[in-house]
Amino acid sequence: MARAFLREDDRYVALLDPTERTVLRGLMEQTRTLLSPEVESTGDAFDDLVASMGVSLGAADQAPGHTGARADSTLADRDPALDRLLPTAHRGDDEIAAEFRRLTEEGLRQRKSGNLDVAVGALSAATGSRIALDAREAPAFLMALTDVRLLLGERMGMRTEEDAEALHAAMDDIDDDDPLGYAMAWYDFLTWLQETLTHALMGTDLGEVETAYDDEVDDDDLDDLDDGDDVDDEGTGRGAV
């Protein structure tokens, strides 16, 4: 049974059992794969900025007619989930939105991927069931949970409040072995975990947030959640996306 994130001295500590840690780590790794930067960090801030803008300063790339940018045609094959994780900055003008994406998307991918790397590292470093985050890891873990929830929400078709309400209502009639039920259960769990970490970071009382999460899912039901290439059948579902 999971226990909420609580502040302990200079750490933010939660208890997650082996199944919870394994599934959460798998979800984060899959989200990291989707968000993986097309231009990985070089370790040099200036070079990373130039690369993230789709510009090359190499002599071979300065020939007439060479832009150094990725072709816009690649957007045709873009996973729709990326538009949830990397939303457009200007919905009213496609040209402005495309230019803004060109200038900023790689940097955003690197930051989000970095947060997920930190979160996966924290889960891997757990001592028993104890997940302890320091002041640097806790915000990164929170952002990683946000991105996993966004991806799960997109995979389950939860794009609006109305979508979420309809899916939750459908759970009353869903078959016990329907994968969507497991997905909704895990989305719900992630929502709760994110909520408790937010409260801990803000230093507020948990109030109505339960400190223990006892909506259990059998280990046998989680086999498909830990090793797929996508996360369509993973996550849980309480609250809006």
C-alpha atoms as a PDB file:
ATOM      1  CA  MET A   1       0.000   0.000   0.000  1.00  0.00           C
ATOM      2  CA  ALA A   2       1.447   3.363  -1.028  1.00  0.00           C
ATOM      3  CA  ARG A   3       1.971   6.137   1.504  1.00  0.00           C
ATOM      4  CA  ALA A   4       1.775   9.803   0.585  1.00  0.00           C
ATOM      5  CA  PHE A   5       4.735  12.104   0.093  1.00  0.00           C
ATOM      6  CA  LEU A   6       5.444  13.874   3.372  1.00  0.00           C
ATOM      7  CA  ARG A   7       8.178  16.302   4.386  1.00  0.00           C
ATOM      8  CA  GLU A   8      10.854  14.719   6.591  1.00  0.00           C
ATOM      9  CA  ASP A   9      13.529  17.252   7.513  1.00  0.00           C
ATOM     10  CA  ASP A  10      15.045  18.250   4.151  1.00  0.00           C
ATOM     11  CA  ARG A  11      13.525  15.330   2.213  1.00  0.00           C
ATOM     12  CA  TYR A  12      10.184  14.456   0.648  1.00  0.00           C
ATOM     13  CA  VAL A  13       9.431  10.822   1.415  1.00  0.00           C
ATOM     14  CA  ALA A  14       6.821   8.374   0.142  1.00  0.00           C
ATOM     15  CA  LEU A  15       6.419   4.618   0.426  1.00  0.00           C
ATOM     16  CA  LEU A  16       5.799   2.637  -2.767  1.00  0.00           C
ATOM     17  CA  ASP A  17       5.743  -1.139  -2.936  1.00  0.00           C
ATOM     18  CA  PRO A  18       7.786  -3.032  -5.577  1.00  0.00           C
ATOM     19  CA  THR A  19       4.899  -3.276  -8.052  1.00  0.00           C
ATOM     20  CA  GLU A  20       4.113   0.431  -7.757  1.00  0.00           C
ATOM     21  CA  ARG A  21       7.769   1.385  -8.251  1.00  0.00           C
ATOM     22  CA  THR A  22       8.200  -0.966 -11.222  1.00  0.00           C
ATOM     23  CA  VAL A  23       5.105   0.246 -13.059  1.00  0.00           C
ATOM     24  CA  LEU A  24       5.824   3.913 -12.318  1.00  0.00           C
ATOM     25  CA  ARG A  25       9.401   3.564 -13.516  1.00  0.00           C
ATOM     26  CA  GLY A  26       8.197   1.834 -16.696  1.00  0.00           C
ATOM     27  CA  LEU A  27       5.686   4.604 -17.402  1.00  0.00           C
ATOM     28  CA  MET A  28       8.333   7.264 -16.901  1.00  0.00           C
ATOM     29  CA  GLU A  29      10.808   5.478 -19.144  1.00  0.00           C
ATOM     30  CA  GLN A  30       8.219   5.200 -21.922  1.00  0.00           C
ATOM     31  CA  THR A  31       7.365   8.883 -21.589  1.00  0.00           C
ATOM     32  CA  ARG A  32      11.088   9.666 -21.707  1.00  0.00           C
ATOM     33  CA  THR A  33      11.409   7.667 -24.936  1.00  0.00           C
ATOM     34  CA  LEU A  34       8.603   9.661 -26.567  1.00  0.00           C
ATOM     35  CA  LEU A  35      10.061  12.981 -25.425  1.00  0.00           C
ATOM     36  CA  SER A  36      13.645  12.063 -26.226  1.00  0.00           C
ATOM     37  CA  PRO A  37      15.356  15.114 -27.778  1.00  0.00           C
ATOM     38  CA  GLU A  38      16.243  14.800 -31.429  1.00  0.00           C
ATOM     39  CA  VAL A  39      19.356  16.770 -30.534  1.00  0.00           C
ATOM     40  CA  GLU A  40      20.838  15.393 -27.322  1.00  0.00           C
ATOM     41  CA  SER A  41      22.594  17.751 -24.945  1.00  0.00           C
ATOM     42  CA  THR A  42      26.277  18.363 -25.676  1.00  0.00           C
ATOM     43  CA  GLY A  43      27.051  19.658 -22.205  1.00  0.00           C
ATOM     44  CA  ASP A  44      27.741  23.115 -23.618  1.00  0.00           C
ATOM     45  CA  ALA A  45      24.895  25.559 -22.958  1.00  0.00           C
ATOM     46  CA  PHE A  46      25.566  27.685 -26.053  1.00  0.00           C
ATOM     47  CA  ASP A  47      25.878  24.715 -28.400  1.00  0.00           C
ATOM     48  CA  ASP A  48      22.678  23.243 -26.951  1.00  0.00           C
ATOM     49  CA  LEU A  49      20.836  26.523 -27.542  1.00  0.00           C
ATOM     50  CA  VAL A  50      22.008  26.714 -31.153  1.00  0.00           C
ATOM     51  CA  ALA A  51      21.106  23.068 -31.801  1.00  0.00           C
ATOM     52  CA  SER A  52      17.682  23.468 -30.214  1.00  0.00           C
ATOM     53  CA  MET A  53      16.950  26.274 -32.680  1.00  0.00           C
ATOM     54  CA  GLY A  54      17.567  23.948 -35.612  1.00  0.00           C
ATOM     55  CA  VAL A  55      20.634  25.934 -36.668  1.00  0.00           C
ATOM     56  CA  SER A  56      24.124  24.634 -37.402  1.00  0.00           C
ATOM     57  CA  LEU A  57      27.240  26.782 -37.231  1.00  0.00           C
ATOM     58  CA  GLY A  58      29.328  24.179 -39.071  1.00  0.00           C
ATOM     59  CA  ALA A  59      31.030  25.421 -42.249  1.00  0.00           C
ATOM     60  CA  ALA A  60      29.498  22.617 -44.314  1.00  0.00           C
ATOM     61  CA  ASP A  61      26.027  23.798 -43.331  1.00  0.00           C
ATOM     62  CA  GLN A  62      26.493  27.386 -44.447  1.00  0.00           C
ATOM     63  CA  ALA A  63      26.070  26.692 -48.161  1.00  0.00           C
ATOM     64  CA  PRO A  64      23.375  28.695 -49.995  1.00  0.00           C
ATOM     65  CA  GLY A  65      19.939  27.196 -49.566  1.00  0.00           C
ATOM     66  CA  HIS A  66      20.926  25.149 -46.491  1.00  0.00           C
ATOM     67  CA  THR A  67      18.803  26.039 -43.480  1.00  0.00           C
ATOM     68  CA  GLY A  68      20.070  23.492 -40.981  1.00  0.00           C
ATOM     69  CA  ALA A  69      16.500  23.045 -39.740  1.00  0.00           C
ATOM     70  CA  ARG A  70      14.467  19.834 -39.725  1.00  0.00           C
ATOM     71  CA  ALA A  71      11.958  19.581 -42.517  1.00  0.00           C
ATOM     72  CA  ASP A  72       8.395  20.507 -41.611  1.00  0.00           C
ATOM     73  CA  SER A  73       7.271  17.301 -43.335  1.00  0.00           C
ATOM     74  CA  THR A  74       8.329  15.373 -40.235  1.00  0.00           C
ATOM     75  CA  LEU A  75       5.348  16.917 -38.434  1.00  0.00           C
ATOM     76  CA  ALA A  76       3.062  14.766 -40.578  1.00  0.00           C
ATOM     77  CA  ASP A  77       4.277  11.688 -38.684  1.00  0.00           C
ATOM     78  CA  ARG A  78       4.167  13.388 -35.292  1.00  0.00           C
ATOM     79  CA  ASP A  79       2.616  11.434 -32.413  1.00  0.00           C
ATOM     80  CA  PRO A  80      -0.502  13.392 -31.295  1.00  0.00           C
ATOM     81  CA  ALA A  81       0.563  12.880 -27.684  1.00  0.00           C
ATOM     82  CA  LEU A  82       3.491  15.220 -28.284  1.00  0.00           C
ATOM     83  CA  ASP A  83       1.033  18.063 -28.781  1.00  0.00           C
ATOM     84  CA  ARG A  84      -0.147  17.481 -25.201  1.00  0.00           C
ATOM     85  CA  LEU A  85       3.378  17.337 -23.840  1.00  0.00           C
ATOM     86  CA  LEU A  86       4.737  20.103 -26.085  1.00  0.00           C
ATOM     87  CA  PRO A  87       1.702  22.313 -26.768  1.00  0.00           C
ATOM     88  CA  THR A  88       1.663  24.936 -29.460  1.00  0.00           C
ATOM     89  CA  ALA A  89       2.377  28.497 -28.380  1.00  0.00           C
ATOM     90  CA  HIS A  90       0.000  30.146 -30.846  1.00  0.00           C
ATOM     91  CA  ARG A  91      -3.210  28.370 -31.803  1.00  0.00           C
ATOM     92  CA  GLY A  92      -4.405  31.090 -34.153  1.00  0.00           C
ATOM     93  CA  ASP A  93      -1.466  31.181 -36.552  1.00  0.00           C
ATOM     94  CA  ASP A  94       0.135  27.961 -37.790  1.00  0.00           C
ATOM     95  CA  GLU A  95       3.168  29.769 -39.205  1.00  0.00           C
ATOM     96  CA  ILE A  96       3.969  31.513 -35.938  1.00  0.00           C
ATOM     97  CA  ALA A  97       3.363  28.291 -34.012  1.00  0.00           C
ATOM     98  CA  ALA A  98       5.707  26.336 -36.292  1.00  0.00           C
ATOM     99  CA  GLU A  99       8.463  28.929 -35.944  1.00  0.00           C
ATOM    100  CA  PHE A 100       8.108  29.034 -32.165  1.00  0.00           C
ATOM    101  CA  ARG A 101       8.249  25.235 -32.072  1.00  0.00           C
ATOM    102  CA  ARG A 102      11.419  25.269 -34.169  1.00  0.00           C
ATOM    103  CA  LEU A 103      13.076  27.694 -31.781  1.00  0.00           C
ATOM    104  CA  THR A 104      12.014  26.140 -28.489  1.00  0.00           C
ATOM    105  CA  GLU A 105      10.942  22.503 -28.796  1.00  0.00           C
ATOM    106  CA  GLU A 106      14.347  20.844 -28.508  1.00  0.00           C
ATOM    107  CA  GLY A 107      15.138  22.772 -25.346  1.00  0.00           C
ATOM    108  CA  LEU A 108      11.780  21.821 -23.853  1.00  0.00           C
ATOM    109  CA  ARG A 109      12.333  18.173 -24.767  1.00  0.00           C
ATOM    110  CA  GLN A 110      15.704  18.267 -23.024  1.00  0.00           C
ATOM    111  CA  ARG A 111      14.257  19.800 -19.855  1.00  0.00           C
ATOM    112  CA  LYS A 112      11.360  17.361 -19.681  1.00  0.00           C
ATOM    113  CA  SER A 113      13.616  14.399 -20.457  1.00  0.00           C
ATOM    114  CA  GLY A 114      15.990  15.584 -17.740  1.00  0.00           C
ATOM    115  CA  ASN A 115      13.146  15.654 -15.211  1.00  0.00           C
ATOM    116  CA  LEU A 116      12.157  12.116 -16.164  1.00  0.00           C
ATOM    117  CA  ASP A 117      15.779  10.954 -15.862  1.00  0.00           C
ATOM    118  CA  VAL A 118      15.936  12.390 -12.345  1.00  0.00           C
ATOM    119  CA  ALA A 119      12.650  10.724 -11.398  1.00  0.00           C
ATOM    120  CA  VAL A 120      13.680   7.332 -12.776  1.00  0.00           C
ATOM    121  CA  GLY A 121      16.976   7.632 -10.916  1.00  0.00           C
ATOM    122  CA  ALA A 122      15.162   8.372  -7.655  1.00  0.00           C
ATOM    123  CA  LEU A 123      12.926   5.325  -8.096  1.00  0.00           C
ATOM    124  CA  SER A 124      15.922   3.125  -8.898  1.00  0.00           C
ATOM    125  CA  ALA A 125      17.746   4.386  -5.809  1.00  0.00           C
ATOM    126  CA  ALA A 126      14.866   3.578  -3.461  1.00  0.00           C
ATOM    127  CA  THR A 127      15.757   1.890  -0.195  1.00  0.00           C
ATOM    128  CA  GLY A 128      13.155  -0.805   0.281  1.00  0.00           C
ATOM    129  CA  SER A 129       9.803   0.902  -0.251  1.00  0.00           C
ATOM    130  CA  ARG A 130      11.139   4.323   0.741  1.00  0.00           C
ATOM    131  CA  ILE A 131      11.388   6.986  -1.986  1.00  0.00           C
ATOM    132  CA  ALA A 132      13.297   9.992  -0.639  1.00  0.00           C
ATOM    133  CA  LEU A 133      13.640  13.115  -2.785  1.00  0.00           C
ATOM    134  CA  ASP A 134      15.912  16.059  -2.037  1.00  0.00           C
ATOM    135  CA  ALA A 135      15.154  19.695  -2.884  1.00  0.00           C
ATOM    136  CA  ARG A 136      16.436  19.256  -6.457  1.00  0.00           C
ATOM    137  CA  GLU A 137      14.753  15.924  -7.158  1.00  0.00           C
ATOM    138  CA  ALA A 138      11.290  16.729  -5.795  1.00  0.00           C
ATOM    139  CA  PRO A 139      10.269  19.394  -8.383  1.00  0.00           C
ATOM    140  CA  ALA A 140      11.693  17.239 -11.187  1.00  0.00           C
ATOM    141  CA  PHE A 141       9.710  14.239  -9.914  1.00  0.00           C
ATOM    142  CA  LEU A 142       6.553  16.371  -9.810  1.00  0.00           C
ATOM    143  CA  MET A 143       7.054  17.531 -13.407  1.00  0.00           C
ATOM    144  CA  ALA A 144       7.721  13.949 -14.485  1.00  0.00           C
ATOM    145  CA  LEU A 145       4.427  12.820 -12.919  1.00  0.00           C
ATOM    146  CA  THR A 146       2.665  15.634 -14.765  1.00  0.00           C
ATOM    147  CA  ASP A 147       4.025  14.497 -18.126  1.00  0.00           C
ATOM    148  CA  VAL A 148       3.191  10.829 -17.510  1.00  0.00           C
ATOM    149  CA  ARG A 149      -0.384  11.811 -16.620  1.00  0.00           C
ATOM    150  CA  LEU A 150      -0.682  13.974 -19.737  1.00  0.00           C
ATOM    151  CA  LEU A 151       0.499  11.098 -21.909  1.00  0.00           C
ATOM    152  CA  LEU A 152      -1.843   8.593 -20.262  1.00  0.00           C
ATOM    153  CA  GLY A 153      -4.728  11.023 -20.563  1.00  0.00           C
ATOM    154  CA  GLU A 154      -4.070  11.426 -24.285  1.00  0.00           C
ATOM    155  CA  ARG A 155      -3.802   7.670 -24.837  1.00  0.00           C
ATOM    156  CA  MET A 156      -7.148   7.167 -23.110  1.00  0.00           C
ATOM    157  CA  GLY A 157      -8.801  10.011 -25.020  1.00  0.00           C
ATOM    158  CA  MET A 158      -9.107  12.337 -22.023  1.00  0.00           C
ATOM    159  CA  ARG A 159      -8.586  15.709 -23.668  1.00  0.00           C
ATOM    160  CA  THR A 160     -11.330  17.715 -21.958  1.00  0.00           C
ATOM    161  CA  GLU A 161     -13.221  17.725 -18.669  1.00  0.00           C
ATOM    162  CA  GLU A 162     -16.166  16.193 -20.531  1.00  0.00           C
ATOM    163  CA  ASP A 163     -13.970  13.349 -21.820  1.00  0.00           C
ATOM    164  CA  ALA A 164     -12.767  12.627 -18.281  1.00  0.00           C
ATOM    165  CA  GLU A 165     -16.276  12.607 -16.873  1.00  0.00           C
ATOM    166  CA  ALA A 166     -17.500  10.272 -19.621  1.00  0.00           C
ATOM    167  CA  LEU A 167     -14.647   7.821 -19.053  1.00  0.00           C
ATOM    168  CA  HIS A 168     -15.153   7.797 -15.319  1.00  0.00           C
ATOM    169  CA  ALA A 169     -18.871   7.192 -15.774  1.00  0.00           C
ATOM    170  CA  ALA A 170     -18.110   4.306 -18.126  1.00  0.00           C
ATOM    171  CA  MET A 171     -16.100   2.578 -15.406  1.00  0.00           C
ATOM    172  CA  ASP A 172     -19.359   1.523 -13.734  1.00  0.00           C
ATOM    173  CA  ASP A 173     -20.112  -0.844 -16.619  1.00  0.00           C
ATOM    174  CA  ILE A 174     -16.636  -1.875 -17.700  1.00  0.00           C
ATOM    175  CA  ASP A 175     -15.620  -5.559 -17.636  1.00  0.00           C
ATOM    176  CA  ASP A 176     -13.248  -6.598 -14.865  1.00  0.00           C
ATOM    177  CA  ASP A 177     -10.588  -7.652 -17.367  1.00  0.00           C
ATOM    178  CA  ASP A 178     -10.823  -4.583 -19.623  1.00  0.00           C
ATOM    179  CA  PRO A 179      -7.327  -3.012 -19.932  1.00  0.00           C
ATOM    180  CA  LEU A 180      -8.897   0.443 -19.796  1.00  0.00           C
ATOM    181  CA  GLY A 181      -9.933  -0.276 -16.226  1.00  0.00           C
ATOM    182  CA  TYR A 182      -6.310  -0.874 -15.235  1.00  0.00           C
ATOM    183  CA  ALA A 183      -5.280   2.238 -17.142  1.00  0.00           C
ATOM    184  CA  MET A 184      -7.831   4.329 -15.274  1.00  0.00           C
ATOM    185  CA  ALA A 185      -6.754   2.825 -11.962  1.00  0.00           C
ATOM    186  CA  TRP A 186      -3.127   3.811 -12.545  1.00  0.00           C
ATOM    187  CA  TYR A 187      -4.021   7.272 -13.767  1.00  0.00           C
ATOM    188  CA  ASP A 188      -5.949   7.693 -10.530  1.00  0.00           C
ATOM    189  CA  PHE A 189      -2.945   6.534  -8.528  1.00  0.00           C
ATOM    190  CA  LEU A 190      -0.622   8.992 -10.295  1.00  0.00           C
ATOM    191  CA  THR A 191      -3.090  11.816  -9.665  1.00  0.00           C
ATOM    192  CA  TRP A 192      -3.091  11.047  -5.960  1.00  0.00           C
ATOM    193  CA  LEU A 193       0.700  10.727  -5.800  1.00  0.00           C
ATOM    194  CA  GLN A 194       1.170  14.023  -7.622  1.00  0.00           C
ATOM    195  CA  GLU A 195      -1.311  15.705  -5.298  1.00  0.00           C
ATOM    196  CA  THR A 196       0.506  14.585  -2.155  1.00  0.00           C
ATOM    197  CA  LEU A 197       3.918  15.694  -3.481  1.00  0.00           C
ATOM    198  CA  THR A 198       2.455  19.089  -4.386  1.00  0.00           C
ATOM    199  CA  HIS A 199       1.122  19.497  -0.845  1.00  0.00           C
ATOM    200  CA  ALA A 200       4.469  18.439   0.631  1.00  0.00           C
ATOM    201  CA  LEU A 201       6.401  20.924  -1.527  1.00  0.00           C
ATOM    202  CA  MET A 202       4.010  23.732  -0.618  1.00  0.00           C
ATOM    203  CA  GLY A 203       4.210  22.856   3.059  1.00  0.00           C
ATOM    204  CA  THR A 204       0.421  22.694   3.342  1.00  0.00           C
ATOM    205  CA  ASP A 205      -1.719  20.311   5.343  1.00  0.00           C
ATOM    206  CA  LEU A 206      -2.861  17.285   3.364  1.00  0.00           C
ATOM    207  CA  GLY A 207      -6.406  18.035   4.484  1.00  0.00           C
ATOM    208  CA  GLU A 208      -8.748  15.747   2.609  1.00  0.00           C
ATOM    209  CA  VAL A 209      -5.959  13.992   0.685  1.00  0.00           C
ATOM    210  CA  GLU A 210      -5.577  10.444   1.959  1.00  0.00           C
ATOM    211  CA  THR A 211      -2.107   9.652   3.306  1.00  0.00           C
ATOM    212  CA  ALA A 212      -2.460   5.993   2.268  1.00  0.00           C
ATOM    213  CA  TYR A 213      -3.621   4.691  -1.083  1.00  0.00           C
ATOM    214  CA  ASP A 214      -5.370   1.346  -0.882  1.00  0.00           C
ATOM    215  CA  ASP A 215      -6.932   0.907  -4.336  1.00  0.00           C
ATOM    216  CA  GLU A 216      -4.906  -2.202  -5.078  1.00  0.00           C
ATOM    217  CA  VAL A 217      -4.351  -3.759  -8.482  1.00  0.00           C
ATOM    218  CA  ASP A 218      -3.214  -7.384  -8.593  1.00  0.00           C
ATOM    219  CA  ASP A 219       0.379  -7.941  -9.718  1.00  0.00           C
ATOM    220  CA  ASP A 220      -0.799 -10.371 -12.417  1.00  0.00           C
ATOM    221  CA  ASP A 221      -2.887  -7.603 -13.966  1.00  0.00           C
ATOM    222  CA  LEU A 222       0.170  -5.401 -14.420  1.00  0.00           C
ATOM    223  CA  ASP A 223       2.253  -7.640 -16.690  1.00  0.00           C
ATOM    224  CA  ASP A 224       1.348  -5.670 -19.814  1.00  0.00           C
ATOM    225  CA  LEU A 225       1.929  -2.311 -18.127  1.00  0.00           C
ATOM    226  CA  ASP A 226       5.633  -2.791 -17.595  1.00  0.00           C
ATOM    227  CA  ASP A 227       7.024  -3.777 -20.959  1.00  0.00           C
ATOM    228  CA  GLY A 228       5.029  -2.257 -23.832  1.00  0.00           C
ATOM    229  CA  ASP A 229       6.349   0.232 -26.358  1.00  0.00           C
ATOM    230  CA  ASP A 230       3.463   2.567 -25.656  1.00  0.00           C
ATOM    231  CA  VAL A 231       1.308   3.339 -22.714  1.00  0.00           C
ATOM    232  CA  ASP A 232      -2.179   2.963 -24.111  1.00  0.00           C
ATOM    233  CA  ASP A 233      -3.144   0.407 -21.478  1.00  0.00           C
ATOM    234  CA  GLU A 234      -1.457   2.002 -18.492  1.00  0.00           C
ATOM    235  CA  GLY A 235      -2.247   4.516 -15.798  1.00  0.00           C
ATOM    236  CA  THR A 236      -5.347   5.363 -13.767  1.00  0.00           C
ATOM    237  CA  GLY A 237      -8.107   7.926 -13.614  1.00  0.00           C
ATOM    238  CA  ARG A 238      -9.315  10.177 -10.852  1.00  0.00           C
ATOM    239  CA  GLY A 239      -9.898  13.834 -11.574  1.00  0.00           C
ATOM    240  CA  ALA A 240      -9.441  15.874 -14.704  1.00  0.00           C
ATOM    241  CA  VAL A 241      -6.522  15.548 -17.045  1.00  0.00           C
END
